[in-house]
Amino acid sequence: NFRKVSNEFGEWIPIESEYKKGPRPNMWLSPHFPIQTEELLPLLDILANKVKAIHRLRDRLTTKLPPGTFPVKVAIPVVPTIRVLVIF
């Protein structure tokens, strides 16, 4: 994606603009699981203070999940090539 801007001499030069969005976590949901999401939140509250990815996961669990589902498997990207995998 290129656009042109004028420099101090009035010459048009191409500028590359890029928008990169980081890797997203993956979640596998199940409506039939013996634990409710609300039971997991106190543990995530403790971990969210130290780990930014856990804070984002907690926000996602409380705002974006369909009601009555539980994340039975979560893959959280740490760096582009490494993911933390949590399986219940």
PDB file of N, CA and C in Angstrom:
ATOM      1  N   ASN A   1       0.852  -1.171   0.000  1.00  0.00           N
ATOM      2  CA  ASN A   1       0.000   0.000   0.000  1.00  0.00           C
ATOM      3  C   ASN A   1       0.908   1.248   0.000  1.00  0.00           C
ATOM      4  N   PHE A   2       0.893   2.006  -1.068  1.00  0.00           N
ATOM      5  CA  PHE A   2       1.761   3.172  -1.185  1.00  0.00           C
ATOM      6  C   PHE A   2       0.921   4.443  -1.302  1.00  0.00           C
ATOM      7  N   ARG A   3       1.470   5.532  -0.801  1.00  0.00           N
ATOM      8  CA  ARG A   3       0.885   6.852  -1.010  1.00  0.00           C
ATOM      9  C   ARG A   3       2.040   7.812  -1.236  1.00  0.00           C
ATOM     10  N   LYS A   4       1.762   8.979  -1.770  1.00  0.00           N
ATOM     11  CA  LYS A   4       2.821   9.947  -2.050  1.00  0.00           C
ATOM     12  C   LYS A   4       2.655  11.174  -1.173  1.00  0.00           C
ATOM     13  N   VAL A   5       3.796  11.708  -0.729  1.00  0.00           N
ATOM     14  CA  VAL A   5       3.795  12.959   0.041  1.00  0.00           C
ATOM     15  C   VAL A   5       4.854  13.873  -0.557  1.00  0.00           C
ATOM     16  N   SER A   6       4.712  15.138  -0.280  1.00  0.00           N
ATOM     17  CA  SER A   6       5.666  16.122  -0.792  1.00  0.00           C
ATOM     18  C   SER A   6       6.747  16.369   0.258  1.00  0.00           C
ATOM     19  N   ASN A   7       8.019  16.387  -0.180  1.00  0.00           N
ATOM     20  CA  ASN A   7       9.100  16.703   0.757  1.00  0.00           C
ATOM     21  C   ASN A   7       9.337  18.211   0.772  1.00  0.00           C
ATOM     22  N   GLU A   8      10.385  18.679   1.485  1.00  0.00           N
ATOM     23  CA  GLU A   8      10.615  20.119   1.631  1.00  0.00           C
ATOM     24  C   GLU A   8      10.990  20.810   0.323  1.00  0.00           C
ATOM     25  N   PHE A   9      11.359  20.047  -0.724  1.00  0.00           N
ATOM     26  CA  PHE A   9      11.711  20.625  -2.019  1.00  0.00           C
ATOM     27  C   PHE A   9      10.553  20.592  -3.007  1.00  0.00           C
ATOM     28  N   GLY A  10       9.385  20.141  -2.556  1.00  0.00           N
ATOM     29  CA  GLY A  10       8.225  20.073  -3.433  1.00  0.00           C
ATOM     30  C   GLY A  10       8.197  18.829  -4.307  1.00  0.00           C
ATOM     31  N   GLU A  11       9.091  17.880  -4.049  1.00  0.00           N
ATOM     32  CA  GLU A  11       9.117  16.651  -4.830  1.00  0.00           C
ATOM     33  C   GLU A  11       8.170  15.630  -4.180  1.00  0.00           C
ATOM     34  N   TRP A  12       7.467  14.893  -5.024  1.00  0.00           N
ATOM     35  CA  TRP A  12       6.573  13.858  -4.515  1.00  0.00           C
ATOM     36  C   TRP A  12       7.359  12.562  -4.361  1.00  0.00           C
ATOM     37  N   ILE A  13       7.315  11.995  -3.167  1.00  0.00           N
ATOM     38  CA  ILE A  13       8.024  10.747  -2.922  1.00  0.00           C
ATOM     39  C   ILE A  13       7.038   9.701  -2.410  1.00  0.00           C
ATOM     40  N   PRO A  14       7.222   8.442  -2.829  1.00  0.00           N
ATOM     41  CA  PRO A  14       6.307   7.400  -2.346  1.00  0.00           C
ATOM     42  C   PRO A  14       6.628   7.031  -0.905  1.00  0.00           C
ATOM     43  N   ILE A  15       5.589   6.846  -0.122  1.00  0.00           N
ATOM     44  CA  ILE A  15       5.710   6.432   1.273  1.00  0.00           C
ATOM     45  C   ILE A  15       4.905   5.146   1.424  1.00  0.00           C
ATOM     46  N   GLU A  16       5.532   4.145   1.999  1.00  0.00           N
ATOM     47  CA  GLU A  16       4.822   2.902   2.240  1.00  0.00           C
ATOM     48  C   GLU A  16       4.144   2.994   3.595  1.00  0.00           C
ATOM     49  N   SER A  17       2.854   2.749   3.617  1.00  0.00           N
ATOM     50  CA  SER A  17       2.137   2.731   4.886  1.00  0.00           C
ATOM     51  C   SER A  17       1.640   1.314   5.120  1.00  0.00           C
ATOM     52  N   GLU A  18       1.792   0.859   6.333  1.00  0.00           N
ATOM     53  CA  GLU A  18       1.438  -0.500   6.672  1.00  0.00           C
ATOM     54  C   GLU A  18       0.643  -0.520   7.949  1.00  0.00           C
ATOM     55  N   TYR A  19      -0.334  -1.357   7.984  1.00  0.00           N
ATOM     56  CA  TYR A  19      -1.083  -1.568   9.211  1.00  0.00           C
ATOM     57  C   TYR A  19      -0.938  -3.032   9.567  1.00  0.00           C
ATOM     58  N   LYS A  20      -0.346  -3.294  10.707  1.00  0.00           N
ATOM     59  CA  LYS A  20      -0.165  -4.674  11.150  1.00  0.00           C
ATOM     60  C   LYS A  20      -0.961  -4.899  12.418  1.00  0.00           C
ATOM     61  N   LYS A  21      -1.732  -5.938  12.399  1.00  0.00           N
ATOM     62  CA  LYS A  21      -2.458  -6.326  13.594  1.00  0.00           C
ATOM     63  C   LYS A  21      -1.820  -7.602  14.104  1.00  0.00           C
ATOM     64  N   GLY A  22      -1.597  -7.641  15.386  1.00  0.00           N
ATOM     65  CA  GLY A  22      -0.924  -8.794  15.977  1.00  0.00           C
ATOM     66  C   GLY A  22      -1.751 -10.059  15.874  1.00  0.00           C
ATOM     67  N   PRO A  23      -1.117 -11.187  16.161  1.00  0.00           N
ATOM     68  CA  PRO A  23      -1.841 -12.459  16.135  1.00  0.00           C
ATOM     69  C   PRO A  23      -2.969 -12.462  17.157  1.00  0.00           C
ATOM     70  N   ARG A  24      -4.041 -13.120  16.830  1.00  0.00           N
ATOM     71  CA  ARG A  24      -5.203 -13.159  17.704  1.00  0.00           C
ATOM     72  C   ARG A  24      -5.293 -14.493  18.428  1.00  0.00           C
ATOM     73  N   PRO A  25      -5.867 -14.494  19.620  1.00  0.00           N
ATOM     74  CA  PRO A  25      -6.059 -15.774  20.307  1.00  0.00           C
ATOM     75  C   PRO A  25      -7.180 -16.580  19.649  1.00  0.00           C
ATOM     76  N   ASN A  26      -7.078 -17.879  19.734  1.00  0.00           N
ATOM     77  CA  ASN A  26      -8.124 -18.782  19.237  1.00  0.00           C
ATOM     78  C   ASN A  26      -8.801 -19.420  20.424  1.00  0.00           C
ATOM     79  N   MET A  27     -10.142 -19.591  20.333  1.00  0.00           N
ATOM     80  CA  MET A  27     -10.898 -20.226  21.407  1.00  0.00           C
ATOM     81  C   MET A  27     -11.822 -21.274  20.832  1.00  0.00           C
ATOM     82  N   TRP A  28     -11.879 -22.406  21.523  1.00  0.00           N
ATOM     83  CA  TRP A  28     -12.814 -23.453  21.199  1.00  0.00           C
ATOM     84  C   TRP A  28     -13.845 -23.470  22.317  1.00  0.00           C
ATOM     85  N   LEU A  29     -15.127 -23.330  21.975  1.00  0.00           N
ATOM     86  CA  LEU A  29     -16.189 -23.186  22.971  1.00  0.00           C
ATOM     87  C   LEU A  29     -17.065 -24.436  23.026  1.00  0.00           C
ATOM     88  N   SER A  30     -17.597 -24.687  24.227  1.00  0.00           N
ATOM     89  CA  SER A  30     -18.521 -25.802  24.407  1.00  0.00           C
ATOM     90  C   SER A  30     -19.655 -25.376  25.328  1.00  0.00           C
ATOM     91  N   PRO A  31     -20.896 -25.691  24.961  1.00  0.00           N
ATOM     92  CA  PRO A  31     -22.010 -25.386  25.866  1.00  0.00           C
ATOM     93  C   PRO A  31     -22.163 -26.438  26.962  1.00  0.00           C
ATOM     94  N   HIS A  32     -21.497 -27.600  26.824  1.00  0.00           N
ATOM     95  CA  HIS A  32     -21.634 -28.700  27.780  1.00  0.00           C
ATOM     96  C   HIS A  32     -20.310 -28.914  28.508  1.00  0.00           C
ATOM     97  N   PHE A  33     -20.068 -28.113  29.542  1.00  0.00           N
ATOM     98  CA  PHE A  33     -18.847 -28.237  30.326  1.00  0.00           C
ATOM     99  C   PHE A  33     -19.203 -28.006  31.780  1.00  0.00           C
ATOM    100  N   PRO A  34     -18.623 -28.781  32.721  1.00  0.00           N
ATOM    101  CA  PRO A  34     -19.052 -28.677  34.126  1.00  0.00           C
ATOM    102  C   PRO A  34     -18.659 -27.381  34.840  1.00  0.00           C
ATOM    103  N   ILE A  35     -17.779 -26.576  34.257  1.00  0.00           N
ATOM    104  CA  ILE A  35     -17.367 -25.309  34.869  1.00  0.00           C
ATOM    105  C   ILE A  35     -18.004 -24.159  34.098  1.00  0.00           C
ATOM    106  N   GLN A  36     -18.441 -23.148  34.810  1.00  0.00           N
ATOM    107  CA  GLN A  36     -18.973 -21.938  34.184  1.00  0.00           C
ATOM    108  C   GLN A  36     -17.858 -20.903  34.062  1.00  0.00           C
ATOM    109  N   THR A  37     -17.970 -19.993  33.112  1.00  0.00           N
ATOM    110  CA  THR A  37     -16.971 -18.945  32.908  1.00  0.00           C
ATOM    111  C   THR A  37     -16.791 -18.100  34.165  1.00  0.00           C
ATOM    112  N   GLU A  38     -17.870 -17.851  34.903  1.00  0.00           N
ATOM    113  CA  GLU A  38     -17.807 -17.029  36.106  1.00  0.00           C
ATOM    114  C   GLU A  38     -16.910 -17.649  37.179  1.00  0.00           C
ATOM    115  N   GLU A  39     -16.775 -18.978  37.194  1.00  0.00           N
ATOM    116  CA  GLU A  39     -15.921 -19.652  38.173  1.00  0.00           C
ATOM    117  C   GLU A  39     -14.442 -19.475  37.842  1.00  0.00           C
ATOM    118  N   LEU A  40     -14.120 -19.194  36.598  1.00  0.00           N
ATOM    119  CA  LEU A  40     -12.740 -19.022  36.157  1.00  0.00           C
ATOM    120  C   LEU A  40     -12.243 -17.584  36.347  1.00  0.00           C
ATOM    121  N   LEU A  41     -13.151 -16.640  36.433  1.00  0.00           N
ATOM    122  CA  LEU A  41     -12.776 -15.221  36.480  1.00  0.00           C
ATOM    123  C   LEU A  41     -11.904 -14.826  37.670  1.00  0.00           C
ATOM    124  N   PRO A  42     -12.103 -15.329  38.901  1.00  0.00           N
ATOM    125  CA  PRO A  42     -11.204 -14.939  40.001  1.00  0.00           C
ATOM    126  C   PRO A  42      -9.738 -15.312  39.741  1.00  0.00           C
ATOM    127  N   LEU A  43      -9.506 -16.471  39.155  1.00  0.00           N
ATOM    128  CA  LEU A  43      -8.137 -16.861  38.817  1.00  0.00           C
ATOM    129  C   LEU A  43      -7.555 -15.934  37.744  1.00  0.00           C
ATOM    130  N   LEU A  44      -8.352 -15.608  36.751  1.00  0.00           N
ATOM    131  CA  LEU A  44      -7.876 -14.704  35.695  1.00  0.00           C
ATOM    132  C   LEU A  44      -7.624 -13.302  36.231  1.00  0.00           C
ATOM    133  N   ASP A  45      -8.402 -12.872  37.222  1.00  0.00           N
ATOM    134  CA  ASP A  45      -8.168 -11.560  37.828  1.00  0.00           C
ATOM    135  C   ASP A  45      -6.779 -11.485  38.448  1.00  0.00           C
ATOM    136  N   ILE A  46      -6.360 -12.560  39.102  1.00  0.00           N
ATOM    137  CA  ILE A  46      -5.030 -12.593  39.717  1.00  0.00           C
ATOM    138  C   ILE A  46      -3.944 -12.561  38.655  1.00  0.00           C
ATOM    139  N   LEU A  47      -4.100 -13.376  37.610  1.00  0.00           N
ATOM    140  CA  LEU A  47      -3.083 -13.456  36.556  1.00  0.00           C
ATOM    141  C   LEU A  47      -3.070 -12.224  35.656  1.00  0.00           C
ATOM    142  N   ALA A  48      -4.209 -11.574  35.508  1.00  0.00           N
ATOM    143  CA  ALA A  48      -4.311 -10.430  34.592  1.00  0.00           C
ATOM    144  C   ALA A  48      -3.474  -9.249  35.042  1.00  0.00           C
ATOM    145  N   ASN A  49      -3.178  -9.157  36.333  1.00  0.00           N
ATOM    146  CA  ASN A  49      -2.337  -8.061  36.822  1.00  0.00           C
ATOM    147  C   ASN A  49      -0.907  -8.169  36.331  1.00  0.00           C
ATOM    148  N   LYS A  50      -0.456  -9.375  36.024  1.00  0.00           N
ATOM    149  CA  LYS A  50       0.939  -9.603  35.622  1.00  0.00           C
ATOM    150  C   LYS A  50       1.118  -9.823  34.125  1.00  0.00           C
ATOM    151  N   VAL A  51       0.107 -10.390  33.458  1.00  0.00           N
ATOM    152  CA  VAL A  51       0.254 -10.791  32.052  1.00  0.00           C
ATOM    153  C   VAL A  51      -0.795 -10.074  31.206  1.00  0.00           C
ATOM    154  N   LYS A  52      -0.322  -9.287  30.252  1.00  0.00           N
ATOM    155  CA  LYS A  52      -1.213  -8.495  29.402  1.00  0.00           C
ATOM    156  C   LYS A  52      -2.143  -9.379  28.566  1.00  0.00           C
ATOM    157  N   ALA A  53      -1.635 -10.500  28.082  1.00  0.00           N
ATOM    158  CA  ALA A  53      -2.454 -11.397  27.261  1.00  0.00           C
ATOM    159  C   ALA A  53      -3.603 -11.988  28.072  1.00  0.00           C
ATOM    160  N   ILE A  54      -3.374 -12.278  29.342  1.00  0.00           N
ATOM    161  CA  ILE A  54      -4.429 -12.806  30.213  1.00  0.00           C
ATOM    162  C   ILE A  54      -5.479 -11.729  30.470  1.00  0.00           C
ATOM    163  N   HIS A  55      -5.034 -10.486  30.594  1.00  0.00           N
ATOM    164  CA  HIS A  55      -5.981  -9.376  30.772  1.00  0.00           C
ATOM    165  C   HIS A  55      -6.914  -9.277  29.562  1.00  0.00           C
ATOM    166  N   ARG A  56      -6.348  -9.387  28.372  1.00  0.00           N
ATOM    167  CA  ARG A  56      -7.171  -9.351  27.154  1.00  0.00           C
ATOM    168  C   ARG A  56      -8.104 -10.554  27.083  1.00  0.00           C
ATOM    169  N   LEU A  57      -7.598 -11.715  27.496  1.00  0.00           N
ATOM    170  CA  LEU A  57      -8.433 -12.921  27.506  1.00  0.00           C
ATOM    171  C   LEU A  57      -9.603 -12.757  28.463  1.00  0.00           C
ATOM    172  N   ARG A  58      -9.346 -12.200  29.649  1.00  0.00           N
ATOM    173  CA  ARG A  58     -10.414 -11.992  30.616  1.00  0.00           C
ATOM    174  C   ARG A  58     -11.483 -11.047  30.055  1.00  0.00           C
ATOM    175  N   ASP A  59     -11.037  -9.976  29.408  1.00  0.00           N
ATOM    176  CA  ASP A  59     -11.993  -9.047  28.795  1.00  0.00           C
ATOM    177  C   ASP A  59     -12.830  -9.748  27.732  1.00  0.00           C
ATOM    178  N   ARG A  60     -12.197 -10.573  26.948  1.00  0.00           N
ATOM    179  CA  ARG A  60     -12.922 -11.287  25.889  1.00  0.00           C
ATOM    180  C   ARG A  60     -13.928 -12.269  26.483  1.00  0.00           C
ATOM    181  N   LEU A  61     -13.541 -12.955  27.546  1.00  0.00           N
ATOM    182  CA  LEU A  61     -14.444 -13.920  28.170  1.00  0.00           C
ATOM    183  C   LEU A  61     -15.678 -13.251  28.752  1.00  0.00           C
ATOM    184  N   THR A  62     -15.515 -12.047  29.273  1.00  0.00           N
ATOM    185  CA  THR A  62     -16.645 -11.380  29.931  1.00  0.00           C
ATOM    186  C   THR A  62     -17.513 -10.580  28.965  1.00  0.00           C
ATOM    187  N   THR A  63     -17.025 -10.271  27.773  1.00  0.00           N
ATOM    188  CA  THR A  63     -17.814  -9.415  26.883  1.00  0.00           C
ATOM    189  C   THR A  63     -18.192 -10.051  25.549  1.00  0.00           C
ATOM    190  N   LYS A  64     -17.424 -10.990  25.052  1.00  0.00           N
ATOM    191  CA  LYS A  64     -17.635 -11.429  23.667  1.00  0.00           C
ATOM    192  C   LYS A  64     -18.131 -12.860  23.498  1.00  0.00           C
ATOM    193  N   LEU A  65     -18.219 -13.639  24.569  1.00  0.00           N
ATOM    194  CA  LEU A  65     -18.633 -15.032  24.422  1.00  0.00           C
ATOM    195  C   LEU A  65     -20.145 -15.156  24.353  1.00  0.00           C
ATOM    196  N   PRO A  66     -20.628 -16.112  23.566  1.00  0.00           N
ATOM    197  CA  PRO A  66     -22.069 -16.381  23.592  1.00  0.00           C
ATOM    198  C   PRO A  66     -22.466 -16.899  24.972  1.00  0.00           C
ATOM    199  N   PRO A  67     -23.643 -16.553  25.464  1.00  0.00           N
ATOM    200  CA  PRO A  67     -24.048 -16.997  26.798  1.00  0.00           C
ATOM    201  C   PRO A  67     -24.157 -18.519  26.873  1.00  0.00           C
ATOM    202  N   GLY A  68     -23.754 -19.064  28.021  1.00  0.00           N
ATOM    203  CA  GLY A  68     -23.865 -20.499  28.244  1.00  0.00           C
ATOM    204  C   GLY A  68     -22.735 -21.324  27.658  1.00  0.00           C
ATOM    205  N   THR A  69     -21.672 -20.685  27.168  1.00  0.00           N
ATOM    206  CA  THR A  69     -20.545 -21.433  26.613  1.00  0.00           C
ATOM    207  C   THR A  69     -19.324 -21.280  27.514  1.00  0.00           C
ATOM    208  N   PHE A  70     -18.404 -22.228  27.382  1.00  0.00           N
ATOM    209  CA  PHE A  70     -17.169 -22.195  28.151  1.00  0.00           C
ATOM    210  C   PHE A  70     -16.008 -22.478  27.201  1.00  0.00           C
ATOM    211  N   PRO A  71     -14.895 -21.730  27.331  1.00  0.00           N
ATOM    212  CA  PRO A  71     -13.745 -21.983  26.447  1.00  0.00           C
ATOM    213  C   PRO A  71     -12.984 -23.226  26.906  1.00  0.00           C
ATOM    214  N   VAL A  72     -13.162 -24.335  26.209  1.00  0.00           N
ATOM    215  CA  VAL A  72     -12.506 -25.575  26.610  1.00  0.00           C
ATOM    216  C   VAL A  72     -11.049 -25.630  26.154  1.00  0.00           C
ATOM    217  N   LYS A  73     -10.701 -24.784  25.192  1.00  0.00           N
ATOM    218  CA  LYS A  73      -9.323 -24.723  24.700  1.00  0.00           C
ATOM    219  C   LYS A  73      -9.051 -23.297  24.237  1.00  0.00           C
ATOM    220  N   VAL A  74      -7.895 -22.741  24.660  1.00  0.00           N
ATOM    221  CA  VAL A  74      -7.525 -21.376  24.292  1.00  0.00           C
ATOM    222  C   VAL A  74      -6.067 -21.373  23.856  1.00  0.00           C
ATOM    223  N   ALA A  75      -5.784 -20.780  22.704  1.00  0.00           N
ATOM    224  CA  ALA A  75      -4.413 -20.612  22.217  1.00  0.00           C
ATOM    225  C   ALA A  75      -4.110 -19.121  22.207  1.00  0.00           C
ATOM    226  N   ILE A  76      -3.159 -18.694  23.054  1.00  0.00           N
ATOM    227  CA  ILE A  76      -2.818 -17.282  23.197  1.00  0.00           C
ATOM    228  C   ILE A  76      -1.439 -17.042  22.592  1.00  0.00           C
ATOM    229  N   PRO A  77      -1.322 -16.171  21.578  1.00  0.00           N
ATOM    230  CA  PRO A  77      -0.008 -15.900  20.992  1.00  0.00           C
ATOM    231  C   PRO A  77       0.862 -15.087  21.946  1.00  0.00           C
ATOM    232  N   VAL A  78       2.100 -15.534  22.129  1.00  0.00           N
ATOM    233  CA  VAL A  78       3.062 -14.822  22.955  1.00  0.00           C
ATOM    234  C   VAL A  78       3.974 -13.996  22.059  1.00  0.00           C
ATOM    235  N   VAL A  79       4.535 -14.622  21.072  1.00  0.00           N
ATOM    236  CA  VAL A  79       5.293 -13.993  19.991  1.00  0.00           C
ATOM    237  C   VAL A  79       4.770 -14.632  18.706  1.00  0.00           C
ATOM    238  N   PRO A  80       5.093 -14.098  17.534  1.00  0.00           N
ATOM    239  CA  PRO A  80       4.490 -14.634  16.308  1.00  0.00           C
ATOM    240  C   PRO A  80       4.633 -16.143  16.100  1.00  0.00           C
ATOM    241  N   THR A  81       5.652 -16.767  16.645  1.00  0.00           N
ATOM    242  CA  THR A  81       5.843 -18.202  16.402  1.00  0.00           C
ATOM    243  C   THR A  81       5.510 -19.086  17.594  1.00  0.00           C
ATOM    244  N   ILE A  82       5.163 -18.507  18.743  1.00  0.00           N
ATOM    245  CA  ILE A  82       4.898 -19.289  19.950  1.00  0.00           C
ATOM    246  C   ILE A  82       3.534 -18.924  20.510  1.00  0.00           C
ATOM    247  N   ARG A  83       2.750 -19.953  20.824  1.00  0.00           N
ATOM    248  CA  ARG A  83       1.443 -19.774  21.451  1.00  0.00           C
ATOM    249  C   ARG A  83       1.386 -20.553  22.755  1.00  0.00           C
ATOM    250  N   VAL A  84       0.704 -19.975  23.743  1.00  0.00           N
ATOM    251  CA  VAL A  84       0.419 -20.688  24.983  1.00  0.00           C
ATOM    252  C   VAL A  84      -0.910 -21.392  24.773  1.00  0.00           C
ATOM    253  N   LEU A  85      -0.948 -22.694  25.035  1.00  0.00           N
ATOM    254  CA  LEU A  85      -2.147 -23.473  24.836  1.00  0.00           C
ATOM    255  C   LEU A  85      -2.705 -23.900  26.192  1.00  0.00           C
ATOM    256  N   VAL A  86      -3.956 -23.521  26.463  1.00  0.00           N
ATOM    257  CA  VAL A  86      -4.630 -23.879  27.713  1.00  0.00           C
ATOM    258  C   VAL A  86      -5.804 -24.776  27.345  1.00  0.00           C
ATOM    259  N   ILE A  87      -5.813 -25.972  27.920  1.00  0.00           N
ATOM    260  CA  ILE A  87      -6.889 -26.928  27.642  1.00  0.00           C
ATOM    261  C   ILE A  87      -7.523 -27.334  28.967  1.00  0.00           C
ATOM    262  N   PHE A  88      -8.857 -27.275  29.034  1.00  0.00           N
ATOM    263  CA  PHE A  88      -9.592 -27.700  30.237  1.00  0.00           C
ATOM    264  C   PHE A  88     -10.167 -29.069  30.020  1.00  0.00           C
TER     265      PHE A  88
END
